[in-house]
Amino acid sequence: MENIIYMDMIRRGYNVDVGLVEYTQTKDNRNIRVQLEVDFVVNRGNERYYIQSAFSIDSIEKQEHERNSLRRIDDSFKKIIILKEDIIPRYDELGIFYIGVKDFLLSDDLLKV
């Protein structure tokens, strides 16, 4: 699924990179540096989107895993989680946009919604 999303973003004319989010976490009175991956950081002109790809988020733990890197990005660009499942596109309470892969691939305009 990640390869399909990658190729589609290239087809749409975006530059595609992998992103890293770093933060410091305190554990056992020690500061630990943690790195989280963002599957895709896509850019075209002044447009930027952060995209996570997930087959499903059928548990709270899985949803938190997929959202964790996105919620630590402190800018106003759109953050998206693309799921294998057919879902009604929606935003969550953090402003992260969820969409099914089929809808994502079939509509070039959904990124701007």
N, C-alpha and C. Protein backbone atom coordinates (compact mmCIF):
# COMPACT_ATOMS: atom_id res chain seq x y z
N MET A 1 0.82 -1.18 0.00
CA MET A 1 0.00 0.00 0.00
C MET A 1 0.87 1.26 0.00
N GLU A 2 1.98 1.23 0.74
CA GLU A 2 2.87 2.39 0.75
C GLU A 2 3.44 2.66 -0.63
N ASN A 3 3.78 1.61 -1.37
CA ASN A 3 4.31 1.82 -2.73
C ASN A 3 3.26 2.46 -3.63
N ILE A 4 2.01 2.04 -3.51
CA ILE A 4 0.94 2.61 -4.32
C ILE A 4 0.76 4.10 -3.99
N ILE A 5 0.75 4.42 -2.71
CA ILE A 5 0.61 5.83 -2.30
C ILE A 5 1.79 6.64 -2.80
N TYR A 6 2.99 6.10 -2.65
CA TYR A 6 4.19 6.80 -3.13
C TYR A 6 4.09 7.09 -4.63
N MET A 7 3.77 6.10 -5.41
CA MET A 7 3.69 6.28 -6.87
C MET A 7 2.58 7.27 -7.24
N ASP A 8 1.48 7.24 -6.52
CA ASP A 8 0.40 8.17 -6.81
C ASP A 8 0.81 9.61 -6.50
N MET A 9 1.53 9.82 -5.43
CA MET A 9 1.98 11.17 -5.10
C MET A 9 2.97 11.68 -6.14
N ILE A 10 3.83 10.81 -6.65
CA ILE A 10 4.75 11.19 -7.73
C ILE A 10 3.95 11.55 -8.97
N ARG A 11 2.93 10.74 -9.30
CA ARG A 11 2.09 11.01 -10.46
C ARG A 11 1.41 12.37 -10.35
N ARG A 12 1.04 12.75 -9.14
CA ARG A 12 0.39 14.04 -8.93
C ARG A 12 1.37 15.21 -8.95
N GLY A 13 2.65 14.92 -9.06
CA GLY A 13 3.65 15.98 -9.17
C GLY A 13 4.25 16.44 -7.86
N TYR A 14 4.13 15.64 -6.82
CA TYR A 14 4.70 15.99 -5.52
C TYR A 14 6.11 15.43 -5.39
N ASN A 15 6.94 16.11 -4.60
CA ASN A 15 8.20 15.55 -4.14
C ASN A 15 7.88 14.77 -2.87
N VAL A 16 8.41 13.57 -2.76
CA VAL A 16 8.05 12.69 -1.65
C VAL A 16 9.30 12.32 -0.86
N ASP A 17 9.22 12.52 0.45
CA ASP A 17 10.30 12.15 1.36
C ASP A 17 9.73 11.38 2.54
N VAL A 18 10.61 10.76 3.29
CA VAL A 18 10.25 10.15 4.57
C VAL A 18 10.60 11.17 5.63
N GLY A 19 9.77 11.29 6.66
CA GLY A 19 10.03 12.27 7.70
C GLY A 19 10.41 11.63 9.02
N LEU A 20 11.14 12.38 9.82
CA LEU A 20 11.48 11.96 11.18
C LEU A 20 11.04 13.05 12.15
N VAL A 21 10.45 12.62 13.24
CA VAL A 21 10.06 13.53 14.31
C VAL A 21 10.86 13.11 15.53
N GLU A 22 11.58 14.06 16.13
CA GLU A 22 12.37 13.77 17.32
C GLU A 22 11.78 14.51 18.51
N TYR A 23 11.80 13.84 19.65
CA TYR A 23 11.39 14.48 20.89
C TYR A 23 12.13 13.82 22.04
N THR A 24 12.11 14.47 23.20
CA THR A 24 12.78 13.95 24.39
C THR A 24 11.73 13.45 25.37
N GLN A 25 11.99 12.25 25.88
CA GLN A 25 11.08 11.62 26.83
C GLN A 25 11.88 11.31 28.09
N THR A 26 11.28 11.54 29.25
CA THR A 26 11.95 11.24 30.51
C THR A 26 11.53 9.86 30.99
N LYS A 27 12.53 9.03 31.26
CA LYS A 27 12.26 7.67 31.74
C LYS A 27 13.33 7.33 32.77
N ASP A 28 12.91 6.89 33.94
CA ASP A 28 13.82 6.55 35.03
C ASP A 28 14.79 7.69 35.32
N ASN A 29 14.26 8.91 35.39
CA ASN A 29 15.05 10.12 35.67
C ASN A 29 16.14 10.39 34.64
N ARG A 30 15.97 9.86 33.45
CA ARG A 30 16.92 10.12 32.35
C ARG A 30 16.14 10.64 31.16
N ASN A 31 16.74 11.55 30.43
CA ASN A 31 16.14 12.03 29.20
C ASN A 31 16.55 11.11 28.06
N ILE A 32 15.57 10.62 27.36
CA ILE A 32 15.81 9.71 26.24
C ILE A 32 15.31 10.39 24.97
N ARG A 33 16.14 10.39 23.94
CA ARG A 33 15.75 10.97 22.66
C ARG A 33 15.03 9.90 21.84
N VAL A 34 13.83 10.23 21.39
CA VAL A 34 13.00 9.29 20.65
C VAL A 34 12.80 9.82 19.24
N GLN A 35 12.89 8.93 18.26
CA GLN A 35 12.63 9.29 16.86
C GLN A 35 11.44 8.49 16.36
N LEU A 36 10.51 9.19 15.74
CA LEU A 36 9.34 8.56 15.13
C LEU A 36 9.36 8.85 13.64
N GLU A 37 8.89 7.90 12.85
CA GLU A 37 8.87 8.07 11.41
C GLU A 37 7.51 8.54 10.92
N VAL A 38 7.53 9.43 9.95
CA VAL A 38 6.34 9.80 9.20
C VAL A 38 6.52 9.13 7.84
N ASP A 39 5.54 8.32 7.41
CA ASP A 39 5.70 7.55 6.18
C ASP A 39 6.05 8.44 4.99
N PHE A 40 5.31 9.54 4.83
CA PHE A 40 5.55 10.43 3.68
C PHE A 40 5.42 11.88 4.11
N VAL A 41 6.35 12.69 3.65
CA VAL A 41 6.22 14.14 3.68
C VAL A 41 6.22 14.55 2.22
N VAL A 42 5.10 15.07 1.74
CA VAL A 42 4.98 15.39 0.32
C VAL A 42 4.88 16.90 0.14
N ASN A 43 5.60 17.41 -0.84
CA ASN A 43 5.67 18.84 -1.10
C ASN A 43 5.49 19.12 -2.58
N ARG A 44 4.80 20.22 -2.86
CA ARG A 44 4.71 20.76 -4.21
C ARG A 44 4.44 22.25 -4.05
N GLY A 45 5.42 23.06 -4.45
CA GLY A 45 5.29 24.51 -4.24
C GLY A 45 5.12 24.81 -2.77
N ASN A 46 4.06 25.54 -2.42
CA ASN A 46 3.82 25.86 -1.01
C ASN A 46 2.89 24.86 -0.32
N GLU A 47 2.59 23.75 -0.99
CA GLU A 47 1.75 22.70 -0.39
C GLU A 47 2.64 21.68 0.32
N ARG A 48 2.20 21.24 1.47
CA ARG A 48 2.88 20.16 2.19
C ARG A 48 1.84 19.33 2.92
N TYR A 49 2.03 18.00 2.87
CA TYR A 49 1.15 17.08 3.58
C TYR A 49 2.01 16.03 4.27
N TYR A 50 1.59 15.65 5.47
CA TYR A 50 2.22 14.55 6.20
C TYR A 50 1.26 13.37 6.13
N ILE A 51 1.76 12.22 5.68
CA ILE A 51 0.87 11.08 5.43
C ILE A 51 1.41 9.84 6.15
N GLN A 52 0.50 9.18 6.88
CA GLN A 52 0.75 7.85 7.44
C GLN A 52 -0.11 6.86 6.69
N SER A 53 0.43 5.68 6.44
CA SER A 53 -0.29 4.61 5.77
C SER A 53 -0.52 3.48 6.78
N ALA A 54 -1.77 3.00 6.86
CA ALA A 54 -2.09 1.93 7.82
C ALA A 54 -3.14 1.01 7.22
N PHE A 55 -2.94 -0.30 7.37
CA PHE A 55 -3.97 -1.24 6.91
C PHE A 55 -5.25 -1.06 7.69
N SER A 56 -5.13 -0.89 9.00
CA SER A 56 -6.31 -0.66 9.83
C SER A 56 -5.86 -0.03 11.13
N ILE A 57 -6.80 0.55 11.82
CA ILE A 57 -6.56 1.07 13.17
C ILE A 57 -7.68 0.52 14.06
N ASP A 58 -7.67 -0.80 14.19
CA ASP A 58 -8.76 -1.50 14.86
C ASP A 58 -8.65 -1.51 16.39
N SER A 59 -7.62 -0.87 16.92
CA SER A 59 -7.50 -0.77 18.37
C SER A 59 -7.00 0.63 18.72
N ILE A 60 -7.21 1.00 19.97
CA ILE A 60 -6.75 2.31 20.43
C ILE A 60 -5.22 2.38 20.37
N GLU A 61 -4.55 1.28 20.68
CA GLU A 61 -3.09 1.26 20.63
C GLU A 61 -2.58 1.49 19.22
N LYS A 62 -3.20 0.85 18.25
CA LYS A 62 -2.80 1.02 16.85
C LYS A 62 -3.07 2.45 16.38
N GLN A 63 -4.21 3.01 16.75
CA GLN A 63 -4.52 4.38 16.37
C GLN A 63 -3.50 5.34 16.97
N GLU A 64 -3.16 5.16 18.24
CA GLU A 64 -2.17 6.02 18.88
C GLU A 64 -0.80 5.88 18.22
N HIS A 65 -0.45 4.67 17.83
CA HIS A 65 0.82 4.44 17.14
C HIS A 65 0.88 5.23 15.84
N GLU A 66 -0.19 5.20 15.07
CA GLU A 66 -0.21 5.90 13.78
C GLU A 66 -0.27 7.42 13.95
N ARG A 67 -0.96 7.89 14.98
CA ARG A 67 -1.10 9.34 15.20
C ARG A 67 0.09 9.96 15.91
N ASN A 68 0.87 9.16 16.61
CA ASN A 68 1.90 9.68 17.50
C ASN A 68 2.86 10.63 16.80
N SER A 69 3.40 10.23 15.67
CA SER A 69 4.35 11.11 14.98
C SER A 69 3.66 12.34 14.43
N LEU A 70 2.44 12.19 13.92
CA LEU A 70 1.73 13.32 13.33
C LEU A 70 1.38 14.38 14.37
N ARG A 71 0.98 13.96 15.54
CA ARG A 71 0.58 14.95 16.55
C ARG A 71 1.77 15.69 17.13
N ARG A 72 2.96 15.21 16.93
CA ARG A 72 4.16 15.89 17.42
C ARG A 72 4.73 16.89 16.42
N ILE A 73 4.13 16.99 15.25
CA ILE A 73 4.56 17.96 14.25
C ILE A 73 3.83 19.27 14.54
N ASP A 74 4.61 20.29 14.79
CA ASP A 74 4.04 21.56 15.26
C ASP A 74 3.98 22.58 14.13
N ASP A 75 3.19 22.31 13.11
CA ASP A 75 2.91 23.30 12.08
C ASP A 75 1.47 23.10 11.62
N SER A 76 1.05 23.92 10.68
CA SER A 76 -0.36 23.90 10.30
C SER A 76 -0.64 23.13 9.02
N PHE A 77 0.35 22.39 8.51
CA PHE A 77 0.11 21.61 7.29
C PHE A 77 -0.76 20.39 7.62
N LYS A 78 -1.48 19.93 6.61
CA LYS A 78 -2.44 18.84 6.78
C LYS A 78 -1.75 17.52 7.10
N LYS A 79 -2.32 16.82 8.06
CA LYS A 79 -1.84 15.51 8.48
C LYS A 79 -2.91 14.49 8.13
N ILE A 80 -2.49 13.39 7.46
CA ILE A 80 -3.44 12.43 6.89
C ILE A 80 -3.04 11.02 7.27
N ILE A 81 -4.04 10.21 7.60
CA ILE A 81 -3.83 8.76 7.76
C ILE A 81 -4.68 8.09 6.70
N ILE A 82 -4.02 7.30 5.84
CA ILE A 82 -4.70 6.57 4.77
C ILE A 82 -4.85 5.12 5.20
N LEU A 83 -6.09 4.64 5.19
CA LEU A 83 -6.40 3.28 5.63
C LEU A 83 -6.77 2.39 4.45
N LYS A 84 -6.51 1.10 4.59
CA LYS A 84 -6.91 0.15 3.56
C LYS A 84 -8.43 0.04 3.46
N GLU A 85 -9.11 0.22 4.58
CA GLU A 85 -10.56 0.07 4.66
C GLU A 85 -11.28 1.20 3.94
N ASP A 86 -12.48 0.91 3.46
CA ASP A 86 -13.36 1.97 2.96
C ASP A 86 -14.00 2.64 4.16
N ILE A 87 -13.73 3.92 4.33
CA ILE A 87 -14.33 4.67 5.44
C ILE A 87 -14.89 5.98 4.90
N ILE A 88 -15.72 6.60 5.68
CA ILE A 88 -16.17 7.94 5.35
C ILE A 88 -15.04 8.89 5.75
N PRO A 89 -14.52 9.68 4.82
CA PRO A 89 -13.43 10.60 5.19
C PRO A 89 -13.87 11.51 6.34
N ARG A 90 -12.97 11.70 7.30
CA ARG A 90 -13.31 12.47 8.49
C ARG A 90 -12.05 13.02 9.15
N TYR A 91 -12.25 14.00 10.01
CA TYR A 91 -11.19 14.54 10.86
C TYR A 91 -11.40 14.06 12.28
N ASP A 92 -10.31 13.84 13.01
CA ASP A 92 -10.45 13.51 14.43
C ASP A 92 -10.27 14.76 15.28
N GLU A 93 -10.26 14.60 16.59
CA GLU A 93 -10.17 15.74 17.50
C GLU A 93 -8.84 16.46 17.44
N LEU A 94 -7.81 15.83 16.86
CA LEU A 94 -6.50 16.47 16.72
C LEU A 94 -6.34 17.15 15.36
N GLY A 95 -7.37 17.06 14.52
CA GLY A 95 -7.29 17.66 13.20
C GLY A 95 -6.64 16.76 12.16
N ILE A 96 -6.45 15.49 12.48
CA ILE A 96 -5.88 14.53 11.54
C ILE A 96 -6.99 14.01 10.65
N PHE A 97 -6.73 13.97 9.35
CA PHE A 97 -7.72 13.56 8.35
C PHE A 97 -7.55 12.08 8.06
N TYR A 98 -8.64 11.31 8.12
CA TYR A 98 -8.64 9.88 7.84
C TYR A 98 -9.39 9.64 6.53
N ILE A 99 -8.81 8.80 5.67
CA ILE A 99 -9.44 8.50 4.39
C ILE A 99 -9.06 7.08 3.97
N GLY A 100 -9.94 6.40 3.27
CA GLY A 100 -9.64 5.08 2.72
C GLY A 100 -8.77 5.23 1.49
N VAL A 101 -7.96 4.22 1.22
CA VAL A 101 -7.01 4.30 0.11
C VAL A 101 -7.72 4.44 -1.23
N LYS A 102 -8.86 3.78 -1.39
CA LYS A 102 -9.57 3.86 -2.66
C LYS A 102 -10.03 5.30 -2.93
N ASP A 103 -10.64 5.92 -1.93
CA ASP A 103 -11.07 7.32 -2.11
C ASP A 103 -9.88 8.24 -2.34
N PHE A 104 -8.80 7.98 -1.63
CA PHE A 104 -7.60 8.79 -1.79
C PHE A 104 -7.07 8.72 -3.23
N LEU A 105 -7.00 7.51 -3.77
CA LEU A 105 -6.45 7.33 -5.12
C LEU A 105 -7.37 7.87 -6.21
N LEU A 106 -8.68 7.86 -5.97
CA LEU A 106 -9.63 8.26 -7.01
C LEU A 106 -9.92 9.75 -7.06
N SER A 107 -9.46 10.52 -6.08
CA SER A 107 -9.77 11.94 -6.07
C SER A 107 -8.52 12.77 -5.79
N ASP A 108 -8.13 13.58 -6.76
CA ASP A 108 -6.99 14.47 -6.57
C ASP A 108 -7.34 15.65 -5.65
N ASP A 109 -8.63 15.96 -5.50
CA ASP A 109 -9.04 17.12 -4.72
C ASP A 109 -9.15 16.86 -3.23
N LEU A 110 -9.16 15.61 -2.79
CA LEU A 110 -9.36 15.32 -1.38
C LEU A 110 -8.23 15.83 -0.49
N LEU A 111 -7.03 16.00 -1.04
CA LEU A 111 -5.94 16.54 -0.23
C LEU A 111 -6.25 17.96 0.22
N LYS A 112 -7.00 18.68 -0.57
CA LYS A 112 -7.24 20.10 -0.27
C LYS A 112 -8.49 20.32 0.57
N VAL A 113 -9.20 19.27 0.93
CA VAL A 113 -10.44 19.41 1.71
C VAL A 113 -10.08 19.68 3.16
